[in-house]
Amino acid sequence: MPRKPTRHHRLLPVQPLTFSPFARSVARVATAYLVKHYLRDAPLKSAGDEFKEKLEKVDRQSESSEDEEFDGVVQADFAFFDPKPDDFHGVKTLLQSYLDNKQWDLSGFVDLILGQTTVGTVVKLEDDEDNAVFSVITALNLGRYKDHKCIAELKEFLLNISHEKDKIGNLRSLLGDKAQNVGLLVSQRVVNLPPELLPHLYDALFDEVSWATEDERKNANQKRPSTTDKDEALIYIKPEEEILHKLSMWSFLFPLQTQQVATHELKNYQLTGIVMAVKAENISSFQQQLHTLINES
């Protein structure tokens, strides 16, 4: 039975919500590219067009401050929904650069997400006629979907970007013989989604994964990742990624080839992707830390 929509009344800030001025700049650039890149090739009046119109409305309201005072927030009622087929274009817009600039079966990947109605959530505005999607979160079992073209291409992408010899063996194992016990966490959203929603999104996801999983995962002893100067220089666009990184068994970074917008703030930085392997037994710790982080912000 489909879940009833969960309503969350929030004020939607015009500025991206992250946890440092620099991270906000990075997030703003990343989202600007995501929207512009997709809209350039999107069909006329797709969900991407609706998303662009919403952003333009916010921009126009912000720019009208000469005539009337505007406090920088827009009232919004968010609701959580089970994924369904008519969310296709909205979810595809959010995931347009999921594998950097690789040409792959993104449509097939979105179909998997939308076809898995018992696990996963999309966030939309309450009673929104445009049906625009502001966030998607789900987990895909790599073993269950191993024969799908999009999953095969995703595995190939991950192996190609892995250049650390001490990690690639572990990665091959997770993508191969252990795939049945591996869940791919898919989480993307617009950068100005209120962070107060994040704990609820992740709690709902891991509850659903727990309900849908019959067998407990068997894990080897966790090996704490070492902290390096490179790790200390990381700036996380999504706050939850820093928590996941600290809890991961292992991880590696790879440079993004996606075209970047040159700004003074970003001139000495390179946008990178990160691949992480996190044990299922550490999910409860992740949820607790995420709640604490959001509550203290």
Protein backbone atom coordinates (compact mmCIF):
# COMPACT_ATOMS: atom_id res chain seq x y z
CA MET A 1 0.00 0.00 0.00
CA PRO A 2 1.45 3.42 -0.94
CA ARG A 3 2.51 5.67 1.90
CA LYS A 4 0.35 8.66 2.67
CA PRO A 5 2.16 11.90 1.83
CA THR A 6 4.05 13.33 4.79
CA ARG A 7 3.76 17.10 5.00
CA HIS A 8 6.59 19.34 6.16
CA HIS A 9 5.86 23.06 6.39
CA ARG A 10 9.08 24.99 5.86
CA LEU A 11 10.38 28.37 4.76
CA LEU A 12 12.43 27.84 1.61
CA PRO A 13 15.51 30.10 1.60
CA VAL A 14 16.53 31.61 -1.71
CA GLN A 15 20.22 31.02 -0.90
CA PRO A 16 21.50 27.41 -0.93
CA LEU A 17 21.55 25.89 2.55
CA THR A 18 24.89 24.31 3.37
CA PHE A 19 27.17 24.73 6.33
CA SER A 20 29.82 27.23 5.25
CA PRO A 21 29.93 30.27 2.93
CA PHE A 22 32.39 28.50 0.64
CA ALA A 23 30.29 25.33 0.48
CA ARG A 24 27.28 27.45 -0.44
CA SER A 25 29.28 28.87 -3.35
CA VAL A 26 30.23 25.38 -4.50
CA ALA A 27 26.67 24.15 -4.15
CA ARG A 28 25.28 27.12 -6.06
CA VAL A 29 27.68 26.51 -8.94
CA ALA A 30 26.96 22.76 -8.98
CA THR A 31 23.19 23.21 -9.08
CA ALA A 32 23.39 25.98 -11.66
CA TYR A 33 25.32 23.65 -13.94
CA LEU A 34 22.95 20.73 -13.34
CA VAL A 35 19.90 22.75 -14.33
CA LYS A 36 21.48 24.53 -17.31
CA HIS A 37 23.11 21.33 -18.62
CA TYR A 38 19.84 19.41 -18.63
CA LEU A 39 17.64 22.19 -19.94
CA ARG A 40 19.92 22.71 -22.93
CA ASP A 41 18.89 19.34 -24.40
CA ALA A 42 15.55 18.73 -22.65
CA PRO A 43 12.22 18.37 -24.47
CA LEU A 44 10.00 21.42 -24.50
CA LYS A 45 7.94 21.88 -21.33
CA SER A 46 9.59 19.01 -19.48
CA ALA A 47 9.92 18.83 -15.69
CA GLY A 48 13.24 20.61 -16.15
CA ASP A 49 11.42 23.60 -17.69
CA GLU A 50 9.04 23.66 -14.74
CA PHE A 51 12.03 23.55 -12.37
CA LYS A 52 13.67 26.43 -14.24
CA GLU A 53 10.46 28.48 -14.07
CA LYS A 54 10.31 27.97 -10.31
CA LEU A 55 13.88 29.17 -9.89
CA GLU A 56 13.21 32.17 -12.13
CA LYS A 57 10.17 33.08 -10.03
CA VAL A 58 12.31 33.09 -6.90
CA ASP A 59 14.99 35.17 -8.65
CA ARG A 60 12.44 37.70 -9.89
CA GLN A 61 10.95 38.01 -6.42
CA SER A 62 14.41 38.53 -4.94
CA GLU A 63 15.28 41.17 -7.53
CA SER A 64 12.11 43.16 -6.85
CA SER A 65 13.47 44.48 -3.55
CA GLU A 66 13.71 48.00 -5.00
CA ASP A 67 9.90 48.26 -5.04
CA GLU A 68 9.10 46.29 -1.89
CA GLU A 69 10.98 44.72 0.97
CA PHE A 70 11.71 40.98 0.54
CA ASP A 71 13.13 38.97 3.44
CA GLY A 72 14.75 36.27 1.24
CA VAL A 73 12.43 33.37 2.02
CA VAL A 74 9.52 31.74 0.23
CA GLN A 75 6.91 29.79 2.19
CA ALA A 76 6.65 26.20 0.98
CA ASP A 77 4.79 23.07 2.07
CA PHE A 78 6.86 19.99 1.25
CA ALA A 79 5.46 16.48 1.12
CA PHE A 80 7.08 13.04 0.89
CA PHE A 81 5.73 10.66 -1.75
CA ASP A 82 6.41 7.18 -3.03
CA PRO A 83 8.10 7.37 -6.46
CA LYS A 84 5.76 6.95 -9.41
CA PRO A 85 6.07 7.02 -13.23
CA ASP A 86 5.02 10.65 -13.68
CA ASP A 87 8.04 11.72 -11.60
CA PHE A 88 10.32 10.54 -14.43
CA HIS A 89 11.40 13.90 -15.85
CA GLY A 90 11.83 15.52 -12.42
CA VAL A 91 14.02 12.69 -11.12
CA LYS A 92 16.01 12.56 -14.37
CA THR A 93 16.69 16.29 -14.08
CA LEU A 94 18.13 15.87 -10.58
CA LEU A 95 20.32 12.93 -11.65
CA GLN A 96 21.53 14.40 -14.96
CA SER A 97 25.18 14.55 -13.82
CA TYR A 98 25.05 11.53 -11.49
CA LEU A 99 27.91 9.86 -13.40
CA ASP A 100 29.68 13.13 -14.19
CA ASN A 101 29.57 13.71 -17.97
CA LYS A 102 29.31 10.02 -18.95
CA GLN A 103 26.77 9.08 -21.61
CA TRP A 104 24.85 6.15 -20.12
CA ASP A 105 21.40 4.65 -19.70
CA LEU A 106 20.14 7.29 -17.26
CA SER A 107 16.53 6.71 -18.36
CA GLY A 108 16.83 3.04 -17.44
CA PHE A 109 18.34 4.02 -14.07
CA VAL A 110 15.42 6.36 -13.35
CA ASP A 111 12.99 3.59 -14.33
CA LEU A 112 14.56 1.32 -11.70
CA ILE A 113 14.15 4.02 -9.05
CA LEU A 114 10.52 4.71 -9.94
CA GLY A 115 9.68 1.03 -10.23
CA GLN A 116 10.84 0.37 -6.66
CA THR A 117 7.86 1.85 -4.82
CA THR A 118 8.47 0.14 -1.46
CA VAL A 119 11.88 1.78 -1.00
CA GLY A 120 12.55 5.42 -1.81
CA THR A 121 11.03 8.87 -1.52
CA VAL A 122 10.54 11.93 -3.70
CA VAL A 123 9.95 15.38 -2.22
CA LYS A 124 7.53 17.73 -3.92
CA LEU A 125 5.46 20.75 -3.02
CA GLU A 126 2.05 20.05 -1.56
CA ASP A 127 -0.70 20.35 -4.22
CA ASP A 128 1.77 21.50 -6.89
CA GLU A 129 0.23 21.32 -10.36
CA ASP A 130 3.67 21.28 -12.00
CA ASN A 131 4.61 18.10 -10.08
CA ALA A 132 8.25 19.29 -9.83
CA VAL A 133 10.62 17.03 -7.86
CA PHE A 134 12.92 18.75 -5.36
CA SER A 135 14.62 15.67 -3.93
CA VAL A 136 14.93 11.93 -4.53
CA ILE A 137 16.41 9.33 -2.21
CA THR A 138 16.50 5.56 -2.56
CA ALA A 139 18.71 2.48 -2.36
CA LEU A 140 19.18 -0.04 -5.17
CA ASN A 141 20.41 -3.59 -4.58
CA LEU A 142 23.30 -4.11 -7.00
CA GLY A 143 22.78 -7.86 -7.10
CA ARG A 144 19.08 -7.72 -7.85
CA TYR A 145 19.56 -5.32 -10.76
CA LYS A 146 22.93 -6.61 -12.01
CA ASP A 147 21.55 -7.59 -15.44
CA HIS A 148 20.26 -4.10 -16.24
CA LYS A 149 22.30 -2.06 -18.69
CA CYS A 150 22.37 1.02 -16.47
CA ILE A 151 23.82 -0.92 -13.52
CA ALA A 152 26.47 -2.55 -15.70
CA GLU A 153 27.46 0.91 -17.00
CA LEU A 154 27.52 2.32 -13.47
CA LYS A 155 29.84 -0.49 -12.32
CA GLU A 156 32.10 0.12 -15.31
CA PHE A 157 32.23 3.83 -14.47
CA LEU A 158 33.20 3.16 -10.85
CA LEU A 159 35.97 0.75 -11.83
CA ASN A 160 37.34 3.17 -14.44
CA ILE A 161 37.63 6.07 -11.99
CA SER A 162 39.30 3.95 -9.30
CA HIS A 163 43.08 4.39 -9.51
CA GLU A 164 44.00 3.39 -5.95
CA LYS A 165 45.35 -0.17 -6.03
CA ASP A 166 44.48 -0.84 -2.38
CA LYS A 167 40.81 0.05 -3.01
CA ILE A 168 40.03 -1.40 -6.42
CA GLY A 169 40.08 -4.99 -5.15
CA ASN A 170 37.49 -4.15 -2.50
CA LEU A 171 35.43 -2.29 -5.07
CA ARG A 172 35.48 -5.22 -7.52
CA SER A 173 34.33 -7.51 -4.73
CA LEU A 174 31.40 -5.28 -3.74
CA LEU A 175 30.35 -4.90 -7.36
CA GLY A 176 30.83 -8.60 -8.10
CA ASP A 177 30.47 -11.56 -5.75
CA LYS A 178 29.13 -9.47 -2.83
CA ALA A 179 26.71 -7.39 -4.94
CA GLN A 180 23.67 -9.17 -3.52
CA ASN A 181 24.48 -7.61 -0.14
CA VAL A 182 25.32 -4.13 -1.45
CA GLY A 183 22.87 -1.25 -1.63
CA LEU A 184 23.64 1.75 -3.84
CA LEU A 185 22.56 4.90 -2.00
CA VAL A 186 21.07 7.41 -4.44
CA SER A 187 20.43 10.86 -2.97
CA GLN A 188 20.08 14.09 -4.92
CA ARG A 189 18.22 17.32 -4.24
CA VAL A 190 18.12 21.01 -5.01
CA VAL A 191 20.63 22.83 -2.82
CA ASN A 192 18.08 25.05 -1.08
CA LEU A 193 15.96 22.18 0.24
CA PRO A 194 15.61 22.83 4.00
CA PRO A 195 18.18 20.71 5.86
CA GLU A 196 15.58 19.95 8.53
CA LEU A 197 14.06 17.48 6.07
CA LEU A 198 17.25 15.39 5.76
CA PRO A 199 16.94 13.31 8.95
CA HIS A 200 13.34 12.43 8.06
CA LEU A 201 14.34 11.41 4.53
CA TYR A 202 17.17 9.16 5.68
CA ASP A 203 15.18 7.70 8.59
CA ALA A 204 12.37 6.77 6.20
CA LEU A 205 14.78 5.25 3.69
CA PHE A 206 16.64 3.04 6.16
CA ASP A 207 13.38 1.96 7.79
CA GLU A 208 12.14 0.86 4.37
CA VAL A 209 15.41 -0.92 3.58
CA SER A 210 15.20 -2.72 6.93
CA TRP A 211 11.63 -3.80 6.26
CA ALA A 212 12.49 -4.97 2.75
CA THR A 213 15.60 -6.92 3.76
CA GLU A 214 15.18 -10.49 5.01
CA ASP A 215 18.77 -11.48 5.67
CA GLU A 216 21.27 -9.73 7.89
CA ARG A 217 24.42 -8.64 6.15
CA LYS A 218 27.63 -10.43 7.20
CA ASN A 219 30.59 -8.10 7.42
CA ALA A 220 34.31 -8.35 8.06
CA ASN A 221 35.89 -6.23 10.78
CA GLN A 222 35.75 -2.56 9.92
CA LYS A 223 39.03 -0.86 9.11
CA ARG A 224 38.99 2.80 9.95
CA PRO A 225 40.03 5.06 7.07
CA SER A 226 43.16 7.08 7.72
CA THR A 227 42.99 10.86 7.76
CA THR A 228 45.23 12.56 5.23
CA ASP A 229 45.92 16.13 4.27
CA LYS A 230 43.82 15.50 1.19
CA ASP A 231 40.85 14.46 3.36
CA GLU A 232 41.24 17.53 5.57
CA ALA A 233 41.03 19.78 2.53
CA LEU A 234 37.67 18.35 1.47
CA ILE A 235 34.65 20.63 1.51
CA TYR A 236 31.37 18.70 1.40
CA ILE A 237 28.46 20.12 -0.56
CA LYS A 238 26.06 17.74 1.21
CA PRO A 239 26.58 17.69 4.99
CA GLU A 240 25.56 14.03 5.31
CA GLU A 241 28.42 12.99 3.01
CA GLU A 242 31.00 14.05 5.60
CA ILE A 243 29.36 11.76 8.17
CA LEU A 244 29.21 8.86 5.71
CA HIS A 245 32.86 9.46 4.78
CA LYS A 246 33.98 9.19 8.41
CA LEU A 247 31.98 5.97 8.86
CA SER A 248 33.13 4.37 5.61
CA MET A 249 35.29 1.23 5.48
CA TRP A 250 37.15 2.77 2.56
CA SER A 251 36.66 5.50 0.00
CA PHE A 252 38.34 7.20 -2.92
CA LEU A 253 38.05 10.50 -4.78
CA PHE A 254 37.95 11.07 -8.51
CA PRO A 255 38.06 14.33 -10.52
CA LEU A 256 34.86 15.38 -12.24
CA GLN A 257 35.13 16.10 -15.95
CA THR A 258 31.86 18.03 -15.99
CA GLN A 259 32.29 21.60 -17.22
CA GLN A 260 32.59 23.94 -14.27
CA VAL A 261 31.63 27.57 -13.86
CA ALA A 262 34.74 29.63 -13.17
CA THR A 263 34.43 31.92 -10.12
CA HIS A 264 36.99 33.67 -7.97
CA GLU A 265 35.98 31.56 -4.94
CA LEU A 266 36.50 28.28 -6.82
CA LYS A 267 39.64 29.10 -8.81
CA ASN A 268 41.93 27.03 -6.55
CA TYR A 269 39.55 24.10 -6.10
CA GLN A 270 38.58 21.06 -8.16
CA LEU A 271 35.10 19.57 -7.92
CA THR A 272 35.49 15.86 -7.21
CA GLY A 273 33.25 12.86 -6.76
CA ILE A 274 33.60 10.41 -3.89
CA VAL A 275 32.92 6.69 -3.75
CA MET A 276 32.34 5.25 -0.27
CA ALA A 277 31.62 1.79 1.18
CA VAL A 278 29.69 1.93 4.46
CA LYS A 279 28.73 -1.09 6.57
CA ALA A 280 25.02 -1.58 7.25
CA GLU A 281 25.76 -1.80 10.97
CA ASN A 282 26.91 1.85 10.93
CA ILE A 283 23.64 3.24 9.56
CA SER A 284 22.15 3.85 13.02
CA SER A 285 25.25 5.87 13.96
CA PHE A 286 24.89 7.85 10.73
CA GLN A 287 21.24 8.65 11.52
CA GLN A 288 22.09 9.80 15.05
CA GLN A 289 24.93 12.02 13.86
CA LEU A 290 22.79 13.54 11.10
CA HIS A 291 20.03 14.40 13.61
CA THR A 292 22.60 15.99 15.91
CA LEU A 293 24.20 17.99 13.09
CA ILE A 294 20.87 19.40 11.87
CA ASN A 295 19.57 20.16 15.37
CA GLU A 296 22.75 22.05 16.31
CA SER A 297 22.92 24.07 13.09
